[in-house]
Amino acid sequence: MADIKSRILIVEDDLDVAEMLNAYLGAQGYQVLTANFGEDGVRICIEERPDLVILDIRLPDIDGYEVANRLRGDRRTKDTPIIFLTDKRDRADRLQGLELGADDYLTKPFDIQELRLRVRNSLKRMGQNFLNNPVSGFPEGALVDECLEECLQKEDQALLLVSIENLETFRELYGFIASDDVLRAVSLMIHAAIQEVSSAEGFLGHLAETEFIIVISPKKISALAERIVNRLDQSIDYFYPIRDRDKSVNWPDRLAIKTAQIDSNVGKYRSTDELKTELIGLKK
């Protein structure tokens, strides 16, 4: 059951959907607040300070984008996680929501178990202050930045970026749970490769949800990169259902692995942002 202190605000004008979400999330142990208008959603969020907002985009007064914009612009609600709930499927709509700082996006009709997991992950992420990825369990955010700051002060560190390409497309095809399984499996394979190459040495974290960063000795980075790429390339087919394995080989947006590495002279970079930009630019 969920922590009874976790409060969720549902901003949804479809009364049937709002009632269903209220009943389901209430049964999961959450305290649920509801609003049917965007203005009411903004007011309730500022007054009640919920732990999470499930926000429909199509509302009778102001739309969900405007609600999100106001919440992100208020210091009291700027960090409140937002999950957009909508029947819009266009990529531009999703990007607009993410640009406004939404934490997740779910299109109608949705799987209630998928929503439950998205809610759980958003609350877990918030509770951990973004220190660990809720799916893989490996560090992200502040912990990764702290590690990279230390690298800037050392001469014997190398960096390897491992990126899962097109996971968003995979998620749209097969669902949230399947894409989480891919992320979890990849993280475990990378971690196993680090253990095999360097035993207890090496740091593994997330630069972004689908991008892993590894800090390791320059002497071991080439062997590690080769091992990870070979292992992941051999596994990609098995992430797809049997019915799609053969035809997915020719899909332009198929799952793929890209890497980038900085073998030495990490200290020449002036900041962690410069270091991250360089790594992402080197991806191939």
C-alpha atoms as a PDB file:
ATOM      1  CA  MET A   1       0.000   0.000   0.000  1.00  0.00           C
ATOM      2  CA  ALA A   2       1.099   3.596  -0.573  1.00  0.00           C
ATOM      3  CA  ASP A   3       2.233   5.892   2.213  1.00  0.00           C
ATOM      4  CA  ILE A   4      -0.949   7.483   3.597  1.00  0.00           C
ATOM      5  CA  LYS A   5       0.858  10.839   3.704  1.00  0.00           C
ATOM      6  CA  SER A   6       1.271  10.909  -0.084  1.00  0.00           C
ATOM      7  CA  ARG A   7      -1.370  13.235  -1.526  1.00  0.00           C
ATOM      8  CA  ILE A   8      -2.356  13.338  -5.170  1.00  0.00           C
ATOM      9  CA  LEU A   9      -4.300  16.096  -6.914  1.00  0.00           C
ATOM     10  CA  ILE A  10      -6.338  15.003  -9.956  1.00  0.00           C
ATOM     11  CA  VAL A  11      -7.258  17.829 -12.341  1.00  0.00           C
ATOM     12  CA  GLU A  12      -9.719  16.227 -14.757  1.00  0.00           C
ATOM     13  CA  ASP A  13     -12.990  17.511 -16.215  1.00  0.00           C
ATOM     14  CA  ASP A  14     -14.307  14.090 -17.221  1.00  0.00           C
ATOM     15  CA  LEU A  15     -16.240  13.183 -14.083  1.00  0.00           C
ATOM     16  CA  ASP A  16     -16.196   9.450 -14.810  1.00  0.00           C
ATOM     17  CA  VAL A  17     -12.408   9.418 -15.208  1.00  0.00           C
ATOM     18  CA  ALA A  18     -11.934  11.623 -12.152  1.00  0.00           C
ATOM     19  CA  GLU A  19     -14.168   9.372 -10.041  1.00  0.00           C
ATOM     20  CA  MET A  20     -12.414   6.232 -11.244  1.00  0.00           C
ATOM     21  CA  LEU A  21      -8.964   7.655 -10.466  1.00  0.00           C
ATOM     22  CA  ASN A  22     -10.146   8.906  -7.092  1.00  0.00           C
ATOM     23  CA  ALA A  23     -11.491   5.477  -6.135  1.00  0.00           C
ATOM     24  CA  TYR A  24      -8.512   3.529  -7.492  1.00  0.00           C
ATOM     25  CA  LEU A  25      -5.756   5.702  -6.017  1.00  0.00           C
ATOM     26  CA  GLY A  26      -7.667   5.987  -2.745  1.00  0.00           C
ATOM     27  CA  ALA A  27      -7.732   2.191  -2.553  1.00  0.00           C
ATOM     28  CA  GLN A  28      -3.946   2.237  -3.049  1.00  0.00           C
ATOM     29  CA  GLY A  29      -3.577   4.246   0.147  1.00  0.00           C
ATOM     30  CA  TYR A  30      -3.156   7.744  -1.289  1.00  0.00           C
ATOM     31  CA  GLN A  31      -5.010  10.836  -0.136  1.00  0.00           C
ATOM     32  CA  VAL A  32      -6.753  12.146  -3.245  1.00  0.00           C
ATOM     33  CA  LEU A  33      -7.870  15.682  -4.057  1.00  0.00           C
ATOM     34  CA  THR A  34      -9.841  16.515  -7.214  1.00  0.00           C
ATOM     35  CA  ALA A  35     -10.546  19.549  -9.376  1.00  0.00           C
ATOM     36  CA  ASN A  36     -12.590  19.741 -12.573  1.00  0.00           C
ATOM     37  CA  PHE A  37     -11.292  23.140 -13.736  1.00  0.00           C
ATOM     38  CA  GLY A  38      -7.774  24.369 -14.339  1.00  0.00           C
ATOM     39  CA  GLU A  39      -8.142  27.476 -12.156  1.00  0.00           C
ATOM     40  CA  ASP A  40      -9.358  25.305  -9.276  1.00  0.00           C
ATOM     41  CA  GLY A  41      -6.415  22.966  -9.833  1.00  0.00           C
ATOM     42  CA  VAL A  42      -3.912  25.807  -9.529  1.00  0.00           C
ATOM     43  CA  ARG A  43      -5.612  27.134  -6.392  1.00  0.00           C
ATOM     44  CA  ILE A  44      -5.847  23.746  -4.674  1.00  0.00           C
ATOM     45  CA  CYS A  45      -2.269  22.888  -5.531  1.00  0.00           C
ATOM     46  CA  ILE A  46      -0.959  26.129  -4.032  1.00  0.00           C
ATOM     47  CA  GLU A  47      -3.162  25.847  -0.932  1.00  0.00           C
ATOM     48  CA  GLU A  48      -2.881  22.113  -0.240  1.00  0.00           C
ATOM     49  CA  ARG A  49       0.616  21.379  -1.617  1.00  0.00           C
ATOM     50  CA  PRO A  50       0.000  17.818  -2.920  1.00  0.00           C
ATOM     51  CA  ASP A  51       2.917  15.449  -3.523  1.00  0.00           C
ATOM     52  CA  LEU A  52       1.879  14.832  -7.144  1.00  0.00           C
ATOM     53  CA  VAL A  53      -0.511  16.284  -9.750  1.00  0.00           C
ATOM     54  CA  ILE A  54      -2.258  14.191 -12.418  1.00  0.00           C
ATOM     55  CA  LEU A  55      -3.234  16.816 -14.960  1.00  0.00           C
ATOM     56  CA  ASP A  56      -5.524  16.551 -17.977  1.00  0.00           C
ATOM     57  CA  ILE A  57      -4.584  18.867 -20.852  1.00  0.00           C
ATOM     58  CA  ARG A  58      -8.120  19.482 -22.148  1.00  0.00           C
ATOM     59  CA  LEU A  59      -9.944  21.459 -19.462  1.00  0.00           C
ATOM     60  CA  PRO A  60     -13.039  23.704 -19.684  1.00  0.00           C
ATOM     61  CA  ASP A  61     -11.314  26.968 -18.732  1.00  0.00           C
ATOM     62  CA  ILE A  62      -7.506  27.145 -18.948  1.00  0.00           C
ATOM     63  CA  ASP A  63      -5.739  24.136 -20.436  1.00  0.00           C
ATOM     64  CA  GLY A  64      -3.299  21.837 -18.685  1.00  0.00           C
ATOM     65  CA  TYR A  65      -0.315  23.566 -20.241  1.00  0.00           C
ATOM     66  CA  GLU A  66      -1.312  26.844 -18.595  1.00  0.00           C
ATOM     67  CA  VAL A  67      -1.899  25.057 -15.281  1.00  0.00           C
ATOM     68  CA  ALA A  68       1.583  23.505 -15.466  1.00  0.00           C
ATOM     69  CA  ASN A  69       3.114  26.838 -16.439  1.00  0.00           C
ATOM     70  CA  ARG A  70       1.592  28.555 -13.411  1.00  0.00           C
ATOM     71  CA  LEU A  71       2.633  25.781 -11.050  1.00  0.00           C
ATOM     72  CA  ARG A  72       6.207  25.858 -12.330  1.00  0.00           C
ATOM     73  CA  GLY A  73       6.246  29.643 -11.956  1.00  0.00           C
ATOM     74  CA  ASP A  74       5.249  29.587  -8.276  1.00  0.00           C
ATOM     75  CA  ARG A  75       8.008  28.876  -5.752  1.00  0.00           C
ATOM     76  CA  ARG A  76       5.573  26.845  -3.618  1.00  0.00           C
ATOM     77  CA  THR A  77       4.747  24.381  -6.404  1.00  0.00           C
ATOM     78  CA  LYS A  78       7.687  24.610  -8.826  1.00  0.00           C
ATOM     79  CA  ASP A  79       9.031  21.176  -7.801  1.00  0.00           C
ATOM     80  CA  THR A  80       5.696  19.331  -7.567  1.00  0.00           C
ATOM     81  CA  PRO A  81       5.753  16.316  -9.942  1.00  0.00           C
ATOM     82  CA  ILE A  82       3.219  16.515 -12.790  1.00  0.00           C
ATOM     83  CA  ILE A  83       1.887  13.624 -14.861  1.00  0.00           C
ATOM     84  CA  PHE A  84      -0.006  14.802 -17.945  1.00  0.00           C
ATOM     85  CA  LEU A  85      -3.097  12.763 -18.760  1.00  0.00           C
ATOM     86  CA  THR A  86      -4.567  13.370 -22.207  1.00  0.00           C
ATOM     87  CA  ASP A  87      -5.961  11.899 -25.385  1.00  0.00           C
ATOM     88  CA  LYS A  88      -3.453  13.815 -27.486  1.00  0.00           C
ATOM     89  CA  ARG A  89      -0.870  11.539 -29.110  1.00  0.00           C
ATOM     90  CA  ASP A  90       1.050  13.977 -31.277  1.00  0.00           C
ATOM     91  CA  ARG A  91       4.766  14.221 -30.515  1.00  0.00           C
ATOM     92  CA  ALA A  92       4.567  18.026 -30.413  1.00  0.00           C
ATOM     93  CA  ASP A  93       1.975  17.851 -27.617  1.00  0.00           C
ATOM     94  CA  ARG A  94       4.222  15.582 -25.563  1.00  0.00           C
ATOM     95  CA  LEU A  95       7.218  17.830 -26.115  1.00  0.00           C
ATOM     96  CA  GLN A  96       5.241  20.898 -25.085  1.00  0.00           C
ATOM     97  CA  GLY A  97       4.283  19.194 -21.830  1.00  0.00           C
ATOM     98  CA  LEU A  98       7.836  18.075 -21.126  1.00  0.00           C
ATOM     99  CA  GLU A  99       9.186  21.550 -21.901  1.00  0.00           C
ATOM    100  CA  LEU A 100       6.882  22.895 -19.204  1.00  0.00           C
ATOM    101  CA  GLY A 101       8.515  20.585 -16.696  1.00  0.00           C
ATOM    102  CA  ALA A 102       6.096  17.658 -16.649  1.00  0.00           C
ATOM    103  CA  ASP A 103       7.614  14.529 -15.134  1.00  0.00           C
ATOM    104  CA  ASP A 104       5.617  12.075 -17.212  1.00  0.00           C
ATOM    105  CA  TYR A 105       2.979  11.768 -19.893  1.00  0.00           C
ATOM    106  CA  LEU A 106       0.177   9.227 -20.309  1.00  0.00           C
ATOM    107  CA  THR A 107      -2.313   9.096 -23.188  1.00  0.00           C
ATOM    108  CA  LYS A 108      -5.927   7.948 -22.988  1.00  0.00           C
ATOM    109  CA  PRO A 109      -7.093   5.249 -22.963  1.00  0.00           C
ATOM    110  CA  PHE A 110      -4.513   4.227 -20.380  1.00  0.00           C
ATOM    111  CA  ASP A 111      -3.748   1.068 -18.468  1.00  0.00           C
ATOM    112  CA  ILE A 112      -4.561   1.623 -14.794  1.00  0.00           C
ATOM    113  CA  GLN A 113      -1.608  -0.525 -13.683  1.00  0.00           C
ATOM    114  CA  GLU A 114       0.681   1.566 -15.856  1.00  0.00           C
ATOM    115  CA  LEU A 115      -0.645   4.709 -14.231  1.00  0.00           C
ATOM    116  CA  ARG A 116      -0.087   3.175 -10.802  1.00  0.00           C
ATOM    117  CA  LEU A 117       3.572   2.518 -11.637  1.00  0.00           C
ATOM    118  CA  ARG A 118       4.074   5.991 -13.042  1.00  0.00           C
ATOM    119  CA  VAL A 119       2.599   7.495  -9.886  1.00  0.00           C
ATOM    120  CA  ARG A 120       4.761   5.281  -7.691  1.00  0.00           C
ATOM    121  CA  ASN A 121       7.940   6.127  -9.611  1.00  0.00           C
ATOM    122  CA  SER A 122       7.263   9.875  -9.573  1.00  0.00           C
ATOM    123  CA  LEU A 123       6.645   9.873  -5.828  1.00  0.00           C
ATOM    124  CA  LYS A 124       9.659   7.668  -5.194  1.00  0.00           C
ATOM    125  CA  ARG A 125      11.822   9.936  -7.297  1.00  0.00           C
ATOM    126  CA  MET A 126      10.592  12.974  -5.381  1.00  0.00           C
ATOM    127  CA  GLY A 127      11.126  11.275  -2.042  1.00  0.00           C
ATOM    128  CA  GLN A 128      14.704  10.436  -2.931  1.00  0.00           C
ATOM    129  CA  ASN A 129      15.338  14.037  -3.966  1.00  0.00           C
ATOM    130  CA  PHE A 130      16.361  12.757  -7.356  1.00  0.00           C
ATOM    131  CA  LEU A 131      19.388  10.937  -5.942  1.00  0.00           C
ATOM    132  CA  ASN A 132      18.594   7.560  -7.504  1.00  0.00           C
ATOM    133  CA  ASN A 133      16.736   6.496 -10.610  1.00  0.00           C
ATOM    134  CA  PRO A 134      13.527   4.747  -9.463  1.00  0.00           C
ATOM    135  CA  VAL A 135      13.812   2.031 -12.130  1.00  0.00           C
ATOM    136  CA  SER A 136      17.501   1.085 -12.121  1.00  0.00           C
ATOM    137  CA  GLY A 137      18.322   2.188  -8.584  1.00  0.00           C
ATOM    138  CA  PHE A 138      21.592   3.780  -9.758  1.00  0.00           C
ATOM    139  CA  PRO A 139      22.533   7.382  -8.900  1.00  0.00           C
ATOM    140  CA  GLU A 140      21.390  10.366 -10.934  1.00  0.00           C
ATOM    141  CA  GLY A 141      21.165  14.108 -10.534  1.00  0.00           C
ATOM    142  CA  ALA A 142      23.155  15.564  -7.652  1.00  0.00           C
ATOM    143  CA  LEU A 143      25.152  12.403  -6.951  1.00  0.00           C
ATOM    144  CA  VAL A 144      26.327  12.185 -10.562  1.00  0.00           C
ATOM    145  CA  ASP A 145      27.227  15.883 -10.642  1.00  0.00           C
ATOM    146  CA  GLU A 146      29.197  15.436  -7.437  1.00  0.00           C
ATOM    147  CA  CYS A 147      31.129  12.533  -8.945  1.00  0.00           C
ATOM    148  CA  LEU A 148      31.882  14.487 -12.137  1.00  0.00           C
ATOM    149  CA  GLU A 149      33.061  17.465 -10.083  1.00  0.00           C
ATOM    150  CA  GLU A 150      35.584  15.156  -8.420  1.00  0.00           C
ATOM    151  CA  CYS A 151      36.698  13.896 -11.841  1.00  0.00           C
ATOM    152  CA  LEU A 152      37.538  17.440 -12.900  1.00  0.00           C
ATOM    153  CA  GLN A 153      40.113  17.532 -10.104  1.00  0.00           C
ATOM    154  CA  LYS A 154      41.828  14.264 -11.058  1.00  0.00           C
ATOM    155  CA  GLU A 155      44.074  13.120 -13.891  1.00  0.00           C
ATOM    156  CA  ASP A 156      43.556   9.358 -13.698  1.00  0.00           C
ATOM    157  CA  GLN A 157      39.855   9.186 -14.614  1.00  0.00           C
ATOM    158  CA  ALA A 158      38.126   8.213 -17.859  1.00  0.00           C
ATOM    159  CA  LEU A 159      34.436   8.577 -18.723  1.00  0.00           C
ATOM    160  CA  LEU A 160      32.196   6.284 -20.753  1.00  0.00           C
ATOM    161  CA  LEU A 161      28.683   7.269 -21.847  1.00  0.00           C
ATOM    162  CA  VAL A 162      26.273   4.478 -22.807  1.00  0.00           C
ATOM    163  CA  SER A 163      23.002   5.640 -24.382  1.00  0.00           C
ATOM    164  CA  ILE A 164      19.849   3.645 -25.140  1.00  0.00           C
ATOM    165  CA  GLU A 165      18.485   5.180 -28.327  1.00  0.00           C
ATOM    166  CA  ASN A 166      14.764   5.218 -29.239  1.00  0.00           C
ATOM    167  CA  LEU A 167      13.472   3.965 -25.883  1.00  0.00           C
ATOM    168  CA  GLU A 168      10.613   6.484 -26.066  1.00  0.00           C
ATOM    169  CA  THR A 169       9.428   4.926 -29.336  1.00  0.00           C
ATOM    170  CA  PHE A 170       9.695   1.476 -27.774  1.00  0.00           C
ATOM    171  CA  ARG A 171       7.605   2.717 -24.821  1.00  0.00           C
ATOM    172  CA  GLU A 172       4.895   3.974 -27.140  1.00  0.00           C
ATOM    173  CA  LEU A 173       4.730   0.588 -28.878  1.00  0.00           C
ATOM    174  CA  TYR A 174       4.897  -1.777 -25.914  1.00  0.00           C
ATOM    175  CA  GLY A 175       4.081   0.256 -22.841  1.00  0.00           C
ATOM    176  CA  PHE A 176       5.658   1.694 -19.751  1.00  0.00           C
ATOM    177  CA  ILE A 177       6.328  -1.618 -18.021  1.00  0.00           C
ATOM    178  CA  ALA A 178       8.166  -3.085 -21.025  1.00  0.00           C
ATOM    179  CA  SER A 179      10.364  -0.007 -21.403  1.00  0.00           C
ATOM    180  CA  ASP A 180      11.195  -0.100 -17.691  1.00  0.00           C
ATOM    181  CA  ASP A 181      12.235  -3.731 -18.132  1.00  0.00           C
ATOM    182  CA  VAL A 182      14.627  -2.669 -20.900  1.00  0.00           C
ATOM    183  CA  LEU A 183      16.127   0.109 -18.772  1.00  0.00           C
ATOM    184  CA  ARG A 184      16.507  -2.213 -15.800  1.00  0.00           C
ATOM    185  CA  ALA A 185      18.069  -5.020 -17.870  1.00  0.00           C
ATOM    186  CA  VAL A 186      20.536  -2.684 -19.555  1.00  0.00           C
ATOM    187  CA  SER A 187      21.607  -1.203 -16.223  1.00  0.00           C
ATOM    188  CA  LEU A 188      22.227  -4.669 -14.793  1.00  0.00           C
ATOM    189  CA  MET A 189      24.258  -5.735 -17.836  1.00  0.00           C
ATOM    190  CA  ILE A 190      26.386  -2.590 -17.640  1.00  0.00           C
ATOM    191  CA  HIS A 191      26.933  -3.103 -13.926  1.00  0.00           C
ATOM    192  CA  ALA A 192      27.940  -6.740 -14.486  1.00  0.00           C
ATOM    193  CA  ALA A 193      30.421  -5.698 -17.180  1.00  0.00           C
ATOM    194  CA  ILE A 194      32.011  -3.167 -14.818  1.00  0.00           C
ATOM    195  CA  GLN A 195      32.388  -5.847 -12.154  1.00  0.00           C
ATOM    196  CA  GLU A 196      33.995  -8.232 -14.645  1.00  0.00           C
ATOM    197  CA  VAL A 197      36.466  -5.687 -15.977  1.00  0.00           C
ATOM    198  CA  SER A 198      37.370  -3.790 -12.846  1.00  0.00           C
ATOM    199  CA  SER A 199      35.933  -5.653  -9.842  1.00  0.00           C
ATOM    200  CA  ALA A 200      34.748  -3.065  -7.291  1.00  0.00           C
ATOM    201  CA  GLU A 201      36.309  -0.119  -9.131  1.00  0.00           C
ATOM    202  CA  GLY A 202      34.120   2.207 -11.177  1.00  0.00           C
ATOM    203  CA  PHE A 203      31.132   4.519 -10.740  1.00  0.00           C
ATOM    204  CA  LEU A 204      27.849   3.945 -12.591  1.00  0.00           C
ATOM    205  CA  GLY A 205      25.036   6.501 -12.731  1.00  0.00           C
ATOM    206  CA  HIS A 206      22.527   8.229 -15.017  1.00  0.00           C
ATOM    207  CA  LEU A 207      23.353  11.330 -17.020  1.00  0.00           C
ATOM    208  CA  ALA A 208      19.706  11.175 -18.156  1.00  0.00           C
ATOM    209  CA  GLU A 209      17.007   8.501 -17.986  1.00  0.00           C
ATOM    210  CA  THR A 210      18.396   6.624 -21.005  1.00  0.00           C
ATOM    211  CA  GLU A 211      22.038   7.680 -20.688  1.00  0.00           C
ATOM    212  CA  PHE A 212      24.451   5.956 -18.325  1.00  0.00           C
ATOM    213  CA  ILE A 213      27.754   7.486 -17.239  1.00  0.00           C
ATOM    214  CA  ILE A 214      30.669   5.352 -16.060  1.00  0.00           C
ATOM    215  CA  VAL A 215      33.812   6.611 -14.353  1.00  0.00           C
ATOM    216  CA  ILE A 216      36.730   4.186 -14.576  1.00  0.00           C
ATOM    217  CA  SER A 217      40.492   3.952 -14.967  1.00  0.00           C
ATOM    218  CA  PRO A 218      41.767   5.019 -18.421  1.00  0.00           C
ATOM    219  CA  LYS A 219      43.555   1.663 -18.675  1.00  0.00           C
ATOM    220  CA  LYS A 220      40.274  -0.238 -18.540  1.00  0.00           C
ATOM    221  CA  ILE A 221      37.864   1.945 -20.481  1.00  0.00           C
ATOM    222  CA  SER A 222      38.456   0.405 -23.936  1.00  0.00           C
ATOM    223  CA  ALA A 223      37.932  -3.150 -22.713  1.00  0.00           C
ATOM    224  CA  LEU A 224      34.842  -2.109 -20.796  1.00  0.00           C
ATOM    225  CA  ALA A 225      33.317  -0.227 -23.741  1.00  0.00           C
ATOM    226  CA  GLU A 226      33.847  -3.197 -26.054  1.00  0.00           C
ATOM    227  CA  ARG A 227      32.322  -5.625 -23.588  1.00  0.00           C
ATOM    228  CA  ILE A 228      29.256  -3.464 -22.939  1.00  0.00           C
ATOM    229  CA  VAL A 229      28.563  -2.783 -26.621  1.00  0.00           C
ATOM    230  CA  ASN A 230      28.909  -6.449 -27.595  1.00  0.00           C
ATOM    231  CA  ARG A 231      26.671  -7.594 -24.770  1.00  0.00           C
ATOM    232  CA  LEU A 232      23.947  -5.029 -25.368  1.00  0.00           C
ATOM    233  CA  ASP A 233      23.959  -5.397 -29.155  1.00  0.00           C
ATOM    234  CA  GLN A 234      23.396  -9.130 -28.722  1.00  0.00           C
ATOM    235  CA  SER A 235      20.489  -8.496 -26.354  1.00  0.00           C
ATOM    236  CA  ILE A 236      18.449  -5.922 -28.280  1.00  0.00           C
ATOM    237  CA  ASP A 237      16.516  -8.502 -30.330  1.00  0.00           C
ATOM    238  CA  TYR A 238      15.271 -10.160 -27.152  1.00  0.00           C
ATOM    239  CA  PHE A 239      13.710  -6.962 -25.841  1.00  0.00           C
ATOM    240  CA  TYR A 240      11.139  -7.178 -28.652  1.00  0.00           C
ATOM    241  CA  PRO A 241       8.193  -9.603 -28.627  1.00  0.00           C
ATOM    242  CA  ILE A 242       8.774 -12.681 -30.787  1.00  0.00           C
ATOM    243  CA  ARG A 243       6.204 -11.466 -33.321  1.00  0.00           C
ATOM    244  CA  ASP A 244       8.242  -8.332 -34.041  1.00  0.00           C
ATOM    245  CA  ARG A 245      11.844  -9.512 -33.778  1.00  0.00           C
ATOM    246  CA  ASP A 246      12.484 -10.143 -37.459  1.00  0.00           C
ATOM    247  CA  LYS A 247      10.775  -7.044 -38.838  1.00  0.00           C
ATOM    248  CA  SER A 248      12.121  -4.719 -36.136  1.00  0.00           C
ATOM    249  CA  VAL A 249      15.616  -5.153 -37.575  1.00  0.00           C
ATOM    250  CA  ASN A 250      14.634  -2.807 -40.413  1.00  0.00           C
ATOM    251  CA  TRP A 251      12.849  -0.195 -38.287  1.00  0.00           C
ATOM    252  CA  PRO A 252      14.632   3.192 -38.409  1.00  0.00           C
ATOM    253  CA  ASP A 253      13.681   3.912 -34.801  1.00  0.00           C
ATOM    254  CA  ARG A 254      14.655   0.512 -33.425  1.00  0.00           C
ATOM    255  CA  LEU A 255      16.367   0.278 -30.042  1.00  0.00           C
ATOM    256  CA  ALA A 256      20.098   0.871 -30.404  1.00  0.00           C
ATOM    257  CA  ILE A 257      23.155   1.501 -28.271  1.00  0.00           C
ATOM    258  CA  LYS A 258      25.477   4.469 -28.729  1.00  0.00           C
ATOM    259  CA  THR A 259      28.576   5.254 -26.719  1.00  0.00           C
ATOM    260  CA  ALA A 260      31.043   8.069 -26.190  1.00  0.00           C
ATOM    261  CA  GLN A 261      34.198   8.185 -24.150  1.00  0.00           C
ATOM    262  CA  ILE A 262      36.791  10.586 -22.829  1.00  0.00           C
ATOM    263  CA  ASP A 263      39.929   8.562 -22.222  1.00  0.00           C
ATOM    264  CA  SER A 264      42.000  11.145 -20.375  1.00  0.00           C
ATOM    265  CA  ASN A 265      42.454  14.838 -19.545  1.00  0.00           C
ATOM    266  CA  VAL A 266      39.036  15.084 -17.915  1.00  0.00           C
ATOM    267  CA  GLY A 267      40.458  17.946 -15.870  1.00  0.00           C
ATOM    268  CA  LYS A 268      40.775  20.175 -18.933  1.00  0.00           C
ATOM    269  CA  TYR A 269      37.021  20.823 -18.865  1.00  0.00           C
ATOM    270  CA  ARG A 270      35.926  23.875 -16.926  1.00  0.00           C
ATOM    271  CA  SER A 271      32.616  22.551 -15.618  1.00  0.00           C
ATOM    272  CA  THR A 272      30.418  19.474 -15.408  1.00  0.00           C
ATOM    273  CA  ASP A 273      28.054  21.033 -17.963  1.00  0.00           C
ATOM    274  CA  GLU A 274      30.916  21.355 -20.454  1.00  0.00           C
ATOM    275  CA  LEU A 275      31.889  17.763 -19.750  1.00  0.00           C
ATOM    276  CA  LYS A 276      28.332  16.506 -20.335  1.00  0.00           C
ATOM    277  CA  THR A 277      27.978  18.501 -23.543  1.00  0.00           C
ATOM    278  CA  GLU A 278      31.214  17.058 -24.877  1.00  0.00           C
ATOM    279  CA  LEU A 279      30.173  13.484 -24.107  1.00  0.00           C
ATOM    280  CA  ILE A 280      26.762  13.856 -25.748  1.00  0.00           C
ATOM    281  CA  GLY A 281      28.392  15.408 -28.802  1.00  0.00           C
ATOM    282  CA  LEU A 282      30.739  12.435 -29.124  1.00  0.00           C
ATOM    283  CA  LYS A 283      27.972   9.814 -29.179  1.00  0.00           C
ATOM    284  CA  LYS A 284      28.209   7.334 -32.042  1.00  0.00           C
END
